C-alpha atoms as a PDB file:
ATOM      1  CA  MET A   1       1.731 -17.773 -30.238  1.00  0.00           C
ATOM      2  CA  SER A   2       4.261 -15.470 -31.898  1.00  0.00           C
ATOM      3  CA  LEU A   3       7.693 -14.599 -30.472  1.00  0.00           C
ATOM      4  CA  LYS A   4       6.395 -11.136 -29.619  1.00  0.00           C
ATOM      5  CA  ASP A   5       3.459 -12.646 -27.695  1.00  0.00           C
ATOM      6  CA  THR A   6       5.814 -15.005 -25.831  1.00  0.00           C
ATOM      7  CA  ASN A   7       8.075 -12.094 -24.845  1.00  0.00           C
ATOM      8  CA  GLU A   8       5.074 -10.077 -23.635  1.00  0.00           C
ATOM      9  CA  VAL A   9       3.818 -13.012 -21.525  1.00  0.00           C
ATOM     10  CA  THR A  10       7.302 -13.489 -20.008  1.00  0.00           C
ATOM     11  CA  LEU A  11       7.590  -9.762 -19.322  1.00  0.00           C
ATOM     12  CA  ALA A  12       4.090  -9.646 -17.806  1.00  0.00           C
ATOM     13  CA  ARG A  13       4.854 -12.608 -15.548  1.00  0.00           C
ATOM     14  CA  SER A  14       8.140 -11.018 -14.540  1.00  0.00           C
ATOM     15  CA  ALA A  15       6.421  -7.672 -13.905  1.00  0.00           C
ATOM     16  CA  ASP A  16       3.797  -9.377 -11.731  1.00  0.00           C
ATOM     17  CA  GLU A  17       6.510 -11.163  -9.756  1.00  0.00           C
ATOM     18  CA  LEU A  18       8.419  -7.903  -9.390  1.00  0.00           C
ATOM     19  CA  VAL A  19       5.299  -6.103  -8.126  1.00  0.00           C
ATOM     20  CA  GLY A  20       4.928  -8.812  -5.468  1.00  0.00           C
ATOM     21  CA  LEU A  21       8.562  -8.415  -4.397  1.00  0.00           C
ATOM     22  CA  ILE A  22       8.102  -4.651  -4.148  1.00  0.00           C
ATOM     23  CA  ARG A  23       5.037  -5.051  -1.956  1.00  0.00           C
ATOM     24  CA  ARG A  24       6.723  -7.537   0.370  1.00  0.00           C
ATOM     25  CA  ARG A  25       9.898  -5.426   0.698  1.00  0.00           C
ATOM     26  CA  ALA A  26       7.959  -2.261   1.557  1.00  0.00           C
ATOM     27  CA  GLU A  27       5.916  -4.199   4.126  1.00  0.00           C
ATOM     28  CA  ASN A  28       9.091  -5.700   5.596  1.00  0.00           C
ATOM     29  CA  LEU A  29      10.810  -2.331   5.979  1.00  0.00           C
ATOM     30  CA  PHE A  30       7.704  -0.960   7.725  1.00  0.00           C
ATOM     31  CA  LYS A  31       6.945  -4.002   9.859  1.00  0.00           C
ATOM     32  CA  THR A  32      10.525  -4.197  11.181  1.00  0.00           C
ATOM     33  CA  HIS A  33      10.367  -0.512  12.192  1.00  0.00           C
ATOM     34  CA  GLN A  34      13.219   0.479   9.887  1.00  0.00           C
ATOM     35  CA  LEU A  35      11.103   2.977   7.980  1.00  0.00           C
ATOM     36  CA  LEU A  36       7.708   4.590   8.348  1.00  0.00           C
ATOM     37  CA  CYS A  37       4.948   4.080   5.769  1.00  0.00           C
ATOM     38  CA  SER A  38       5.760   6.818   3.243  1.00  0.00           C
ATOM     39  CA  GLU A  39       9.490   6.213   3.580  1.00  0.00           C
ATOM     40  CA  ALA A  40       9.144   2.459   3.047  1.00  0.00           C
ATOM     41  CA  VAL A  41       7.126   2.907  -0.152  1.00  0.00           C
ATOM     42  CA  LEU A  42       9.273   5.576  -1.813  1.00  0.00           C
ATOM     43  CA  HIS A  43      12.553   3.980  -0.709  1.00  0.00           C
ATOM     44  CA  THR A  44      11.507   0.528  -1.956  1.00  0.00           C
ATOM     45  CA  LEU A  45      10.364   1.763  -5.356  1.00  0.00           C
ATOM     46  CA  ASN A  46      13.342   4.094  -5.789  1.00  0.00           C
ATOM     47  CA  GLN A  47      15.903   1.467  -4.763  1.00  0.00           C
ATOM     48  CA  GLY A  48      14.126  -1.513  -6.303  1.00  0.00           C
ATOM     49  CA  LEU A  49      13.509   0.073  -9.709  1.00  0.00           C
ATOM     50  CA  GLU A  50      16.661   2.220  -9.646  1.00  0.00           C
ATOM     51  CA  GLY A  51      14.911   5.584  -9.585  1.00  0.00           C
ATOM     52  CA  GLY A  52      18.128   7.536  -9.270  1.00  0.00           C
ATOM     53  CA  LEU A  53      17.715   9.136  -5.855  1.00  0.00           C
ATOM     54  CA  PRO A  54      20.366   8.317  -3.262  1.00  0.00           C
ATOM     55  CA  PRO A  55      18.589   6.040  -0.720  1.00  0.00           C
ATOM     56  CA  GLU A  56      18.957   8.558   2.110  1.00  0.00           C
ATOM     57  CA  ALA A  57      17.467  11.318  -0.084  1.00  0.00           C
ATOM     58  CA  ALA A  58      14.382   9.233  -0.847  1.00  0.00           C
ATOM     59  CA  ILE A  59      13.909   8.582   2.872  1.00  0.00           C
ATOM     60  CA  ARG A  60      14.380  12.271   3.772  1.00  0.00           C
ATOM     61  CA  ILE A  61      11.930  13.409   1.084  1.00  0.00           C
ATOM     62  CA  ALA A  62       9.262  10.947   2.244  1.00  0.00           C
ATOM     63  CA  SER A  63       9.740  11.468   6.002  1.00  0.00           C
ATOM     64  CA  PRO A  64       7.294  14.340   6.563  1.00  0.00           C
ATOM     65  CA  PHE A  65       4.499  12.393   4.837  1.00  0.00           C
ATOM     66  CA  SER A  66       4.513   9.527   7.342  1.00  0.00           C
ATOM     67  CA  GLU A  67       1.564   8.918   9.641  1.00  0.00           C
ATOM     68  CA  GLY A  68      -0.740  11.079   7.580  1.00  0.00           C
ATOM     69  CA  ILE A  69       1.639  14.022   7.103  1.00  0.00           C
ATOM     70  CA  GLY A  70       3.707  14.280  10.247  1.00  0.00           C
ATOM     71  CA  GLY A  71       1.203  12.452  12.409  1.00  0.00           C
ATOM     72  CA  ALA A  72      -1.670  14.801  11.527  1.00  0.00           C
ATOM     73  CA  GLY A  73      -3.702  11.915  10.125  1.00  0.00           C
ATOM     74  CA  CYS A  74      -4.325  13.527   6.731  1.00  0.00           C
ATOM     75  CA  ALA A  75      -3.274  11.648   3.575  1.00  0.00           C
ATOM     76  CA  CYS A  76      -2.174   8.057   4.269  1.00  0.00           C
ATOM     77  CA  GLY A  77       1.623   7.934   4.327  1.00  0.00           C
ATOM     78  CA  GLY A  78       1.790   4.775   2.227  1.00  0.00           C
ATOM     79  CA  PHE A  79      -0.414   6.410  -0.379  1.00  0.00           C
ATOM     80  CA  SER A  80       1.704   9.597  -0.276  1.00  0.00           C
ATOM     81  CA  GLY A  81       4.905   7.581  -0.757  1.00  0.00           C
ATOM     82  CA  ALA A  82       3.301   5.821  -3.719  1.00  0.00           C
ATOM     83  CA  LEU A  83       2.343   9.150  -5.300  1.00  0.00           C
ATOM     84  CA  MET A  84       5.906  10.411  -4.887  1.00  0.00           C
ATOM     85  CA  ALA A  85       7.200   7.261  -6.596  1.00  0.00           C
ATOM     86  CA  VAL A  86       4.798   7.762  -9.511  1.00  0.00           C
ATOM     87  CA  GLY A  87       6.176  11.288  -9.848  1.00  0.00           C
ATOM     88  CA  LEU A  88       9.765  10.074  -9.620  1.00  0.00           C
ATOM     89  CA  PHE A  89       9.349   7.593 -12.458  1.00  0.00           C
ATOM     90  CA  LEU A  90       6.685   9.224 -14.621  1.00  0.00           C
ATOM     91  CA  GLY A  91       6.864  12.930 -13.814  1.00  0.00           C
ATOM     92  CA  ARG A  92       8.004  15.735 -16.046  1.00  0.00           C
ATOM     93  CA  GLN A  93      11.720  16.086 -16.687  1.00  0.00           C
ATOM     94  CA  GLY A  94      12.015  19.835 -16.109  1.00  0.00           C
ATOM     95  CA  LEU A  95      10.436  23.265 -16.315  1.00  0.00           C
ATOM     96  CA  GLY A  96       7.733  23.370 -18.951  1.00  0.00           C
ATOM     97  CA  ALA A  97       8.595  19.845 -20.101  1.00  0.00           C
ATOM     98  CA  ARG A  98       5.937  17.668 -21.648  1.00  0.00           C
ATOM     99  CA  GLY A  99       4.431  14.739 -19.814  1.00  0.00           C
ATOM    100  CA  LEU A 100       2.267  16.404 -17.175  1.00  0.00           C
ATOM    101  CA  LYS A 101      -0.893  14.696 -18.438  1.00  0.00           C
ATOM    102  CA  THR A 102       0.662  11.214 -18.143  1.00  0.00           C
ATOM    103  CA  VAL A 103       1.741  11.626 -14.524  1.00  0.00           C
ATOM    104  CA  GLN A 104      -1.562  13.252 -13.576  1.00  0.00           C
ATOM    105  CA  VAL A 105      -3.529  10.386 -15.125  1.00  0.00           C
ATOM    106  CA  LYS A 106      -1.405   7.809 -13.284  1.00  0.00           C
ATOM    107  CA  GLY A 107      -1.638   9.801 -10.029  1.00  0.00           C
ATOM    108  CA  ARG A 108      -5.420   9.904 -10.302  1.00  0.00           C
ATOM    109  CA  GLU A 109      -5.491   6.210 -11.187  1.00  0.00           C
ATOM    110  CA  LEU A 110      -3.479   5.453  -8.042  1.00  0.00           C
ATOM    111  CA  HIS A 111      -5.833   7.601  -5.955  1.00  0.00           C
ATOM    112  CA  ASP A 112      -8.904   5.882  -7.362  1.00  0.00           C
ATOM    113  CA  LEU A 113      -7.433   2.375  -6.884  1.00  0.00           C
ATOM    114  CA  PHE A 114      -6.440   3.043  -3.274  1.00  0.00           C
ATOM    115  CA  ARG A 115      -9.726   4.737  -2.412  1.00  0.00           C
ATOM    116  CA  SER A 116     -11.730   1.986  -4.090  1.00  0.00           C
ATOM    117  CA  GLU A 117      -9.915  -0.703  -2.114  1.00  0.00           C
ATOM    118  CA  PHE A 118      -9.857   0.997   1.300  1.00  0.00           C
ATOM    119  CA  GLY A 119     -12.696   3.545   1.146  1.00  0.00           C
ATOM    120  CA  SER A 120     -10.472   6.564   1.734  1.00  0.00           C
ATOM    121  CA  THR A 121      -6.966   7.974   1.348  1.00  0.00           C
ATOM    122  CA  CYS A 122      -7.186   9.757   4.730  1.00  0.00           C
ATOM    123  CA  CYS A 123      -5.087   8.213   7.515  1.00  0.00           C
ATOM    124  CA  LYS A 124      -7.578   9.183  10.259  1.00  0.00           C
ATOM    125  CA  VAL A 125     -10.457   7.565   8.399  1.00  0.00           C
ATOM    126  CA  LEU A 126      -8.464   4.435   7.524  1.00  0.00           C
ATOM    127  CA  THR A 127      -7.253   3.844  11.079  1.00  0.00           C
ATOM    128  CA  LYS A 128     -10.248   5.097  13.101  1.00  0.00           C
ATOM    129  CA  LYS A 129     -11.458   1.649  14.204  1.00  0.00           C
ATOM    130  CA  VAL A 130      -8.036   0.327  15.260  1.00  0.00           C
ATOM    131  CA  ARG A 131      -6.279   3.408  16.607  1.00  0.00           C
ATOM    132  CA  HIS A 132      -6.696   2.154  20.197  1.00  0.00           C
ATOM    133  CA  ASP A 133      -5.104  -1.261  19.417  1.00  0.00           C
ATOM    134  CA  GLN A 134      -1.393  -0.909  18.553  1.00  0.00           C
ATOM    135  CA  LYS A 135      -1.095  -4.455  17.174  1.00  0.00           C
ATOM    136  CA  ALA A 136      -4.146  -4.056  14.903  1.00  0.00           C
ATOM    137  CA  LEU A 137      -2.973  -0.600  13.833  1.00  0.00           C
ATOM    138  CA  MET A 138       0.451  -1.963  12.862  1.00  0.00           C
ATOM    139  CA  LYS A 139      -1.165  -4.776  10.880  1.00  0.00           C
ATOM    140  CA  LEU A 140      -3.485  -2.370   9.039  1.00  0.00           C
ATOM    141  CA  CYS A 141      -0.742   0.158   8.272  1.00  0.00           C
ATOM    142  CA  THR A 142       1.508  -2.644   7.007  1.00  0.00           C
ATOM    143  CA  LEU A 143      -1.293  -3.646   4.643  1.00  0.00           C
ATOM    144  CA  HIS A 144      -1.751  -0.055   3.416  1.00  0.00           C
ATOM    145  CA  THR A 145       2.006   0.345   2.948  1.00  0.00           C
ATOM    146  CA  GLY A 146       2.280  -2.848   0.928  1.00  0.00           C
ATOM    147  CA  LYS A 147      -0.818  -2.251  -1.181  1.00  0.00           C
ATOM    148  CA  ALA A 148       0.240   1.323  -1.970  1.00  0.00           C
ATOM    149  CA  ALA A 149       3.696   0.127  -3.078  1.00  0.00           C
ATOM    150  CA  GLN A 150       2.077  -2.643  -5.128  1.00  0.00           C
ATOM    151  CA  ALA A 151      -0.362  -0.302  -6.881  1.00  0.00           C
ATOM    152  CA  ALA A 152       2.340   2.273  -7.646  1.00  0.00           C
ATOM    153  CA  ALA A 153       4.687  -0.427  -8.962  1.00  0.00           C
ATOM    154  CA  ARG A 154       1.999  -1.788 -11.244  1.00  0.00           C
ATOM    155  CA  LEU A 155       1.207   1.673 -12.667  1.00  0.00           C
ATOM    156  CA  ILE A 156       4.873   2.560 -13.104  1.00  0.00           C
ATOM    157  CA  LEU A 157       5.704  -0.730 -14.834  1.00  0.00           C
ATOM    158  CA  GLU A 158       2.690  -0.419 -17.151  1.00  0.00           C
ATOM    159  CA  ALA A 159       4.062   2.913 -18.344  1.00  0.00           C
ATOM    160  CA  ARG A 160       7.752   1.907 -18.233  1.00  0.00           C
ATOM    161  CA  PRO A 161       8.068  -1.858 -18.747  1.00  0.00           C
ATOM    162  CA  GLU A 162      11.809  -1.514 -19.414  1.00  0.00           C
ATOM    163  CA  LEU A 163      12.289  -1.027 -15.658  1.00  0.00           C
ATOM    164  CA  VAL A 164      11.621  -4.737 -15.082  1.00  0.00           C
ATOM    165  CA  ALA A 165      15.010  -5.618 -16.578  1.00  0.00           C
ATOM    166  CA  GLN A 166      16.948  -3.196 -14.334  1.00  0.00           C
ATOM    167  CA  ALA A 167      15.271  -4.033 -11.014  1.00  0.00           C
ATOM    168  CA  ASP A 168      17.547  -4.533  -8.011  1.00  0.00           C
ATOM    169  CA  LEU A 169      16.423  -8.048  -7.106  1.00  0.00           C
ATOM    170  CA  GLU A 170      18.975  -8.424  -4.318  1.00  0.00           C
ATOM    171  CA  PHE A 171      17.437  -5.434  -2.519  1.00  0.00           C
ATOM    172  CA  LEU A 172      13.863  -6.495  -3.253  1.00  0.00           C
ATOM    173  CA  CYS A 173      14.375 -10.088  -2.106  1.00  0.00           C
ATOM    174  CA  ALA A 174      16.039  -9.092   1.188  1.00  0.00           C
ATOM    175  CA  ARG A 175      13.978  -9.736   4.309  1.00  0.00           C
ATOM    176  CA  ASP A 176      14.871  -8.444   7.735  1.00  0.00           C
ATOM    177  CA  THR A 177      13.649  -9.519  11.143  1.00  0.00           C
ATOM    178  CA  LYS A 178      12.885  -7.032  13.902  1.00  0.00           C
ATOM    179  CA  LEU A 179      15.951  -8.341  15.736  1.00  0.00           C
ATOM    180  CA  SER A 180      18.341  -7.907  12.784  1.00  0.00           C
ATOM    181  CA  ALA A 181      16.853  -4.476  12.006  1.00  0.00           C
ATOM    182  CA  GLY A 182      17.355  -3.396  15.623  1.00  0.00           C
ATOM    183  CA  PHE A 183      20.923  -4.668  15.606  1.00  0.00           C
ATOM    184  CA  ASN A 184      21.625  -2.751  12.374  1.00  0.00           C
ATOM    185  CA  ARG A 185      20.198   0.442  13.920  1.00  0.00           C
ATOM    186  CA  ILE A 186      22.534   0.060  16.909  1.00  0.00           C
ATOM    187  CA  LEU A 187      25.511  -0.507  14.618  1.00  0.00           C
ATOM    188  CA  SER A 188      24.669   2.555  12.533  1.00  0.00           C
ATOM    189  CA  VAL A 189      24.696   4.727  15.670  1.00  0.00           C
ATOM    190  CA  LEU A 190      28.013   3.293  16.817  1.00  0.00           C
ATOM    191  CA  ARG A 191      29.763   3.729  13.457  1.00  0.00           C
ATOM    192  CA  PRO A 192      31.683   7.008  13.093  1.00  0.00           C
END
């Protein structure tokens, strides 16, 4: 095996590990009720891969896409957050700039992967059988959130492998409990 091959294997293993961290962090942020589905995915990818958006901006941008676009049940929020992250990292850099084809191909790839795995990208369709059971709904939406973040991370890192080296591992490795997340929410309200 050549040095180049060894470096590619190390990078691939690191990218796979990073994708797993991204999935778990997005799931954790959703499961602990800190962020909704779309917010958790975009925030995790932006913060974890240093996408350049201030964390609160990423959350604000993704907020209306949660719960199938404002609770309407249309496009899955996790999927929508993943699409936004693909655009953030692979989208065009300005008016008339080149690169539209690349981001469209990756966006379609993400759509096809998500739809192939879950049968739909529509929140109402995905949650129809569990909508009456809050615990089952939370479990299913956590899965969709994590899988969407995972798929987007994989596509982004395939196109931009240099992002592996700049990942914010401290953020991605953090895990919160519902209790600590609730305590942090209370503190944030009390702080001036």
